[in-house]
Protein backbone atom coordinates (compact mmCIF):
# COMPACT_ATOMS: atom_id res chain seq x y z
CA MET A 1 33.37 109.07 248.29
CA GLY A 2 31.83 109.17 251.51
CA GLU A 3 28.45 106.41 251.68
CA LYS A 4 25.89 107.71 249.71
CA GLN A 5 22.76 109.59 251.83
CA LEU A 6 20.06 110.04 249.50
CA TYR A 7 16.99 112.95 250.28
CA ILE A 8 14.61 114.91 247.98
CA GLY A 9 14.20 118.06 248.32
CA LEU A 10 10.53 119.56 247.16
CA MET A 11 9.74 122.76 245.88
CA SER A 12 7.40 125.40 244.70
CA GLY A 13 8.00 129.06 245.11
CA THR A 14 6.07 132.33 245.02
CA SER A 15 5.20 132.10 241.16
CA ALA A 16 3.36 128.93 241.74
CA ASP A 17 4.06 127.42 238.58
CA SER A 18 5.49 123.82 239.39
CA ILE A 19 6.47 121.42 242.56
CA ASP A 20 10.01 121.17 241.85
CA ALA A 21 11.93 117.76 242.61
CA VAL A 22 14.51 116.88 243.18
CA LEU A 23 16.84 113.19 244.10
CA VAL A 24 19.86 114.53 245.20
CA ASP A 25 23.13 112.82 247.05
CA LEU A 26 24.46 114.93 250.18
CA GLY A 27 26.91 112.22 251.60
CA SER A 28 29.95 113.72 249.78
CA HIS A 29 31.81 116.93 250.18
CA LYS A 30 29.54 118.43 247.52
CA PRO A 31 25.61 117.48 246.72
CA GLU A 32 25.10 114.97 243.59
CA VAL A 33 21.67 115.86 241.31
CA LEU A 34 20.62 112.26 240.75
CA LEU A 35 17.16 112.76 239.53
CA THR A 36 14.94 115.85 239.07
CA TYR A 37 11.01 116.08 237.86
CA SER A 38 8.98 119.17 237.89
CA LEU A 39 4.80 118.59 238.09
CA GLU A 40 3.21 121.70 236.31
CA LEU A 41 0.63 123.09 238.58
CA GLU A 42 -2.88 122.98 236.97
CA ASP A 43 -4.49 126.55 236.80
CA ASN A 44 -7.40 126.07 239.18
CA ILE A 45 -4.52 125.15 241.86
CA LYS A 46 -2.61 128.33 241.43
CA GLU A 47 -5.70 130.64 240.85
CA GLN A 48 -6.64 129.37 244.69
CA ILE A 49 -2.91 129.68 245.77
CA ASN A 50 -3.19 133.12 244.87
CA SER A 51 -6.81 134.09 245.77
CA LEU A 52 -5.49 133.09 249.61
CA ASN A 53 -2.87 136.08 249.55
CA ILE A 54 -4.75 138.66 250.73
CA SER A 55 -8.00 137.74 253.31
CA GLY A 56 -11.70 136.80 252.03
CA ALA A 57 -14.22 135.41 252.75
CA ASP A 58 -14.16 131.42 254.00
CA GLU A 59 -10.70 132.10 253.50
CA ILE A 60 -9.70 128.92 256.39
CA HIS A 61 -11.86 126.31 254.93
CA ARG A 62 -10.38 126.88 251.72
CA MET A 63 -6.58 127.44 252.81
CA SER A 64 -7.24 123.81 254.87
CA GLN A 65 -8.54 122.22 251.81
CA LEU A 66 -5.99 123.54 249.26
CA ASP A 67 -3.14 122.43 252.66
CA ARG A 68 -4.77 119.10 251.20
CA SER A 69 -4.87 119.38 247.76
CA LEU A 70 -1.43 120.53 247.55
CA GLY A 71 0.06 118.00 250.09
CA LEU A 72 -1.02 115.43 247.54
CA LEU A 73 0.49 116.92 245.04
CA PHE A 74 3.74 116.98 246.81
CA ALA A 75 3.01 113.79 247.39
CA GLN A 76 2.75 112.47 243.99
CA ALA A 77 6.11 114.64 242.15
CA VAL A 78 8.09 112.54 245.08
CA ASN A 79 6.06 108.98 243.90
CA GLU A 80 6.38 109.85 240.24
CA LEU A 81 10.10 111.25 240.56
CA VAL A 82 11.06 107.76 242.56
CA CYS A 83 9.32 106.18 239.49
CA LEU A 84 11.41 107.36 237.18
CA SER A 85 14.96 106.40 238.95
CA LYS A 86 16.47 103.50 237.57
CA SER A 87 18.81 102.85 240.17
CA LEU A 88 16.58 102.97 243.57
CA LYS A 89 16.32 99.79 245.39
CA GLY A 90 13.30 101.10 247.40
CA ILE A 91 11.93 104.12 249.23
CA LYS A 92 14.00 102.51 252.53
CA ASP A 93 17.24 104.22 250.96
CA ILE A 94 15.97 107.77 251.08
CA LEU A 95 16.69 109.53 254.25
CA ALA A 96 13.93 112.36 253.93
CA VAL A 97 11.71 114.49 252.33
CA GLY A 98 12.60 118.42 253.09
CA SER A 99 9.28 120.48 251.83
CA HIS A 100 9.41 123.80 251.78
CA GLY A 101 5.30 124.11 251.43
CA GLN A 102 3.88 126.06 249.48
CA THR A 103 4.08 130.42 251.15
CA ILE A 104 0.42 131.57 250.48
CA ARG A 105 1.26 134.38 253.40
CA HIS A 106 4.97 136.21 254.58
CA TYR A 107 4.00 138.82 257.28
CA PRO A 108 7.99 138.85 258.89
CA PRO A 109 7.84 141.01 261.83
CA GLY A 110 7.36 144.74 261.59
CA GLU A 111 5.71 144.36 258.25
CA ILE A 112 1.89 144.33 260.37
CA PRO A 113 1.09 147.91 261.21
CA ASN A 114 1.22 148.18 265.40
CA ASN A 115 1.55 144.26 265.94
CA ASP A 116 5.36 142.91 266.01
CA LEU A 117 3.71 138.98 265.62
CA GLY A 118 5.09 137.77 262.54
CA TYR A 119 4.18 134.96 260.58
CA SER A 120 5.05 133.33 257.73
CA LEU A 121 2.29 130.22 256.35
CA GLN A 122 3.43 127.68 254.07
CA ILE A 123 1.30 124.34 253.25
CA GLY A 124 0.79 121.17 251.40
CA ASP A 125 0.09 118.55 254.00
CA PRO A 126 3.18 117.04 255.34
CA ASN A 127 1.79 114.30 256.75
CA THR A 128 0.25 113.54 253.69
CA ILE A 129 3.17 113.12 252.23
CA ALA A 130 5.16 110.98 254.42
CA GLU A 131 1.97 108.94 254.53
CA LEU A 132 1.09 108.49 250.46
CA THR A 133 5.17 107.94 250.05
CA GLY A 134 6.63 106.12 253.08
CA ILE A 135 9.46 108.44 253.06
CA THR A 136 9.96 110.49 256.82
CA THR A 137 9.22 114.44 255.73
CA VAL A 138 10.33 117.44 256.87
CA ALA A 139 8.74 120.73 256.25
CA ASP A 140 7.85 124.00 258.48
CA PHE A 141 11.01 125.13 258.37
CA ARG A 142 10.17 128.84 258.52
CA ARG A 143 8.56 128.74 261.64
CA ARG A 144 11.00 128.42 264.11
CA ASP A 145 13.05 131.32 262.94
CA ILE A 146 10.43 133.63 262.84
CA ALA A 147 10.04 132.35 267.24
CA LEU A 148 12.99 133.63 267.53
CA GLY A 149 12.55 136.99 266.37
CA GLY A 150 13.80 136.54 262.31
CA GLN A 151 12.23 136.69 259.11
CA GLY A 152 12.11 133.83 258.25
CA ALA A 153 13.61 133.92 254.92
CA PRO A 154 15.63 133.60 253.62
CA LEU A 155 16.95 130.24 254.63
CA VAL A 156 18.59 129.11 251.45
CA PRO A 157 21.60 131.71 252.49
CA ARG A 158 23.31 128.75 254.28
CA PHE A 159 23.14 126.04 251.64
CA HIS A 160 24.96 129.01 249.87
CA LEU A 161 27.32 129.24 252.41
CA GLU A 162 28.66 126.26 252.92
CA PHE A 163 28.24 124.45 248.79
CA PHE A 164 29.52 127.64 246.96
CA GLU A 165 31.82 129.77 248.82
CA LYS A 166 35.15 130.46 248.32
CA ILE A 167 37.83 130.91 250.36
CA GLY A 168 39.38 134.61 249.38
CA SER A 169 36.93 135.33 246.87
CA VAL A 170 33.69 137.67 247.51
CA ARG A 171 30.81 135.54 245.90
CA ALA A 172 27.37 137.22 244.89
CA ILE A 173 24.19 134.69 244.76
CA ILE A 174 21.64 135.88 242.76
CA ASN A 175 17.98 134.42 243.22
CA ILE A 176 15.27 135.35 240.76
CA GLY A 177 12.05 133.44 241.38
CA GLY A 178 9.09 135.08 241.59
CA ILE A 179 10.73 136.94 244.73
CA SER A 180 14.94 138.19 243.72
CA ASN A 181 17.18 137.31 246.77
CA VAL A 182 20.90 137.32 247.53
CA THR A 183 23.53 136.21 249.05
CA LEU A 184 26.62 137.52 249.84
CA LEU A 185 29.08 135.15 250.64
CA PRO A 186 32.40 136.94 251.82
CA GLY A 187 35.04 134.24 251.25
CA ASP A 188 36.32 134.41 254.61
CA GLY A 189 35.33 130.86 256.21
CA ILE A 190 33.17 133.52 259.07
CA VAL A 191 29.13 132.25 259.20
CA SER A 192 28.06 135.48 260.52
CA SER A 193 29.94 137.41 257.32
CA VAL A 194 27.33 135.97 255.08
CA LEU A 195 24.66 138.40 255.08
CA GLY A 196 21.33 137.44 252.77
CA TYR A 197 17.83 139.11 252.02
CA ASP A 198 15.32 139.41 249.63
CA THR A 199 16.02 142.26 247.28
CA GLY A 200 11.88 143.11 245.74
CA PRO A 201 11.04 141.55 242.66
CA GLY A 202 11.78 139.06 240.66
CA ASN A 203 9.96 137.55 237.63
CA GLY A 204 6.49 137.66 239.95
CA LEU A 205 5.39 141.28 238.13
CA MET A 206 6.37 140.48 235.10
CA ASP A 207 4.24 137.06 235.05
CA LYS A 208 1.13 138.43 235.99
CA TRP A 209 1.22 141.69 233.36
CA ILE A 210 2.31 139.25 230.67
CA LYS A 211 -0.19 136.86 231.69
CA THR A 212 -2.79 140.48 231.80
CA HIS A 213 -1.91 141.49 228.82
CA LEU A 214 -0.76 138.35 226.77
CA GLY A 215 -2.22 135.40 228.70
CA ASP A 216 1.36 133.52 228.53
CA ASN A 217 2.51 132.41 231.88
CA TYR A 218 5.92 134.00 231.84
CA ASP A 219 7.83 136.85 229.30
CA GLU A 220 9.88 133.65 227.92
CA SER A 221 13.45 134.21 226.91
CA GLY A 222 12.99 138.41 227.91
CA ALA A 223 11.60 139.02 224.60
CA TRP A 224 8.77 140.89 225.44
CA ALA A 225 9.69 143.10 227.54
CA SER A 226 13.42 143.39 224.80
CA GLU A 227 10.51 144.83 222.62
CA GLY A 228 9.48 147.92 224.68
CA ASN A 229 11.92 150.95 225.95
CA VAL A 230 12.00 151.98 229.85
CA ALA A 231 9.87 154.40 230.98
CA GLU A 232 11.92 156.80 233.19
CA ALA A 233 8.42 157.85 235.53
CA LEU A 234 7.27 155.08 236.17
CA LEU A 235 10.78 153.06 236.88
CA SER A 236 11.46 156.40 239.29
CA SER A 237 7.74 155.50 241.10
CA LEU A 238 8.97 151.62 241.85
CA MET A 239 12.30 152.78 242.62
CA SER A 240 11.30 155.02 245.44
CA ALA A 241 9.35 152.36 247.09
CA PRO A 242 10.55 151.99 250.78
CA TYR A 243 10.81 148.41 250.88
CA VAL A 244 13.94 148.62 247.97
CA ILE A 245 15.43 151.23 250.60
CA GLU A 246 14.88 149.36 254.25
CA PRO A 247 17.98 148.35 255.99
CA ALA A 248 18.10 144.29 256.12
CA PRO A 249 16.85 142.34 257.37
CA LYS A 250 13.87 141.84 255.57
CA SER A 251 12.10 139.73 253.80
CA THR A 252 8.94 140.03 251.14
CA GLY A 253 6.43 139.05 249.00
CA PRO A 254 3.64 139.04 246.67
CA GLU A 255 1.67 140.20 249.81
CA LEU A 256 3.78 143.44 248.86
CA PHE A 257 4.58 143.28 245.16
CA ASN A 258 1.69 142.40 243.63
CA LEU A 259 -0.37 144.32 240.08
CA TYR A 260 -3.13 146.63 242.73
CA TRP A 261 0.79 147.50 244.34
CA LEU A 262 1.88 148.40 240.39
CA GLN A 263 -1.68 149.70 239.17
CA LYS A 264 -1.42 152.16 242.30
CA HIS A 265 1.69 153.34 240.79
CA LEU A 266 0.69 153.20 236.97
CA SER A 267 -2.73 155.66 238.08
CA LYS A 268 -0.53 158.80 239.38
CA LEU A 269 1.64 158.86 235.45
CA PRO A 270 0.47 159.14 231.85
CA SER A 271 -0.92 155.72 229.77
CA TYR A 272 2.08 153.47 228.81
CA ASN A 273 2.66 150.89 225.87
CA PRO A 274 2.02 147.44 228.09
CA ARG A 275 5.73 146.35 226.34
CA ASP A 276 7.60 149.16 227.86
CA VAL A 277 5.70 148.80 231.22
CA GLN A 278 7.37 144.82 230.98
CA ALA A 279 10.46 146.76 230.09
CA THR A 280 10.58 149.28 233.51
CA LEU A 281 9.76 145.84 235.44
CA LEU A 282 12.13 144.16 233.72
CA GLU A 283 14.66 147.21 234.64
CA PHE A 284 13.28 147.51 238.12
CA THR A 285 14.26 143.92 238.84
CA ALA A 286 18.12 144.56 237.59
CA GLN A 287 18.62 147.60 239.41
CA THR A 288 17.21 146.45 243.01
CA ILE A 289 19.47 143.45 242.70
CA ALA A 290 22.18 145.59 241.49
CA GLN A 291 21.96 148.24 244.03
CA ALA A 292 21.30 146.23 246.87
CA LEU A 293 24.99 144.72 245.65
CA HIS A 294 26.89 148.02 245.48
CA SER A 295 25.15 148.75 248.59
CA HIS A 296 27.39 146.96 250.85
CA GLY A 297 30.87 148.11 249.56
CA PHE A 298 31.80 144.58 248.42
CA LYS A 299 34.28 144.23 245.66
CA ILE A 300 32.34 141.32 244.57
CA ASP A 301 34.27 139.23 242.22
CA GLU A 302 31.89 136.82 241.33
CA VAL A 303 28.31 136.77 240.95
CA TYR A 304 26.08 133.41 239.70
CA ILE A 305 23.04 133.87 238.97
CA CYS A 306 19.99 131.00 239.73
CA GLY A 307 16.07 130.61 240.18
CA GLY A 308 13.56 130.65 236.77
CA GLY A 309 14.89 134.26 236.32
CA ALA A 310 18.57 132.70 234.96
CA HIS A 311 16.64 131.80 232.02
CA ASN A 312 15.93 135.30 230.63
CA THR A 313 18.26 136.28 228.81
CA SER A 314 17.32 139.52 228.83
CA LEU A 315 17.42 139.96 232.30
CA VAL A 316 20.50 138.29 232.91
CA LYS A 317 22.30 140.69 230.20
CA ARG A 318 21.24 144.08 231.90
CA LEU A 319 23.01 142.48 235.08
CA GLU A 320 25.54 141.33 233.77
CA GLY A 321 25.94 145.04 232.72
CA LEU A 322 24.82 147.14 236.33
CA LEU A 323 27.25 144.31 237.39
CA TYR A 324 30.54 144.81 235.57
CA PRO A 325 32.98 144.29 235.64
CA ALA A 326 32.05 141.30 237.78
CA PRO A 327 31.29 137.82 235.72
CA VAL A 328 28.09 136.88 235.90
CA ALA A 329 27.21 133.41 235.07
CA SER A 330 24.79 130.91 236.36
CA THR A 331 25.46 128.13 239.00
CA SER A 332 25.81 125.48 236.74
CA THR A 333 29.54 126.64 236.82
CA LEU A 334 29.23 125.45 240.47
CA GLY A 335 28.36 121.99 239.99
CA ILE A 336 23.68 122.65 240.68
CA ALA A 337 21.64 124.26 237.08
CA PRO A 338 19.86 127.39 238.29
CA SER A 339 16.28 125.84 238.23
CA TRP A 340 17.58 123.14 240.65
CA VAL A 341 19.40 125.01 243.50
CA GLU A 342 16.59 125.79 246.08
CA ALA A 343 15.19 122.08 245.48
CA VAL A 344 18.64 120.92 246.60
CA ALA A 345 19.10 123.71 249.77
CA PHE A 346 15.57 122.36 251.42
CA ALA A 347 16.75 118.45 250.93
CA TRP A 348 20.13 119.97 252.55
CA LEU A 349 17.84 121.65 255.43
CA ALA A 350 16.15 118.86 255.93
CA LYS A 351 19.18 117.00 256.27
CA GLN A 352 21.05 119.24 258.93
CA THR A 353 17.16 119.31 260.64
CA ILE A 354 17.54 115.09 261.09
CA GLU A 355 21.61 115.68 262.32
CA GLY A 356 20.18 118.59 264.83
CA MET A 357 22.22 121.07 262.88
CA PRO A 358 21.01 124.76 262.49
CA GLY A 359 19.74 125.71 259.07
CA ASN A 360 19.68 129.45 259.54
CA ILE A 361 21.43 132.31 259.81
CA PRO A 362 21.26 135.02 262.71
CA THR A 363 22.79 137.77 260.25
CA VAL A 364 20.64 136.86 257.93
CA THR A 365 17.24 136.40 258.83
CA GLY A 366 17.37 138.65 262.06
CA ALA A 367 16.90 135.98 264.53
CA LYS A 368 18.57 135.66 267.75
CA LYS A 369 20.31 132.77 267.20
CA ALA A 370 21.52 129.75 264.85
CA SER A 371 18.62 126.87 264.85
CA VAL A 372 17.68 123.74 264.31
CA LEU A 373 14.92 123.82 261.91
CA GLY A 374 11.36 122.19 260.44
CA ALA A 375 9.33 119.64 262.27
CA ILE A 376 10.20 115.73 261.41
CA TYR A 377 6.64 114.10 260.34
CA ARG A 378 8.33 110.01 260.32
CA ARG A 379 7.50 107.84 257.47
């Protein structure tokens, strides 16, 4: 056992439902999650985040104010997490906070017509986090990768490689948040062998659809979807989206897969019962993930799921069928509960930054080289 190295990871994903905070010891060969805390975002904050996914009036002012508001909330999440700990002697024991921030726009290179200068913008002012917590904060992880010609996402595959790889076994890690992404670990110990990219929607479209029709924030266990029937014509239309068959490296977000995009597909087809649309959206998520994993010709030995989608039992069951005979389990089997993998990953990415080590994988993001990521805001 090495000396304890305590970091805090902060994650707020494309679902924009909460800020996940985790205190983790990164001093040994495997992360040890010591404490977790989730700060739910109020509806008015969610609305502000969603409104900034597209251009609108006075958006610079609205974004700047939300940047500060989220900085205060990220700092609150850290301070409340620290208050829960009975073993911490003080914040001086925590080496750094790694904050992913809240993505409000993600347009990687090639996504903007006639413009190769992609960008990705995460807000949640790290100056505010560092000042109000008294802890060095690392943030803005994605833009260095984009400066190197990469997608800026996904970044978690390097963490998956470090802690989830098993030599001699092909493992797939599926992260299902608002957007789904996959990591393929060939098990040969070679960084450049790793593949990873966003496959398309995860829970995002399902969450927005059930919110519109039932007022619920999410479809618990996929229960509503399980009551419906897959609308084959709609599924075929969704699967024809160019992004689905676009080669990697690639990444996406709600800028593409949103309710407006869904309504365009629905407008060309007969009217469907809303629960059948939900069932079709679940099938769309499952099919795009499975298609991506099968497209590389690997015989996958093991599959592990993380993210909020790991709790959607209907979705997991469907993935088990599509990925058979590979066994499907949650990342709890690997030592980290599925809800906390990304927050732990950004704690680890902060450690990489502090130590001057790379955080990206060029074969995943398309960057010209591996690089130290993020900016450091000293305590």
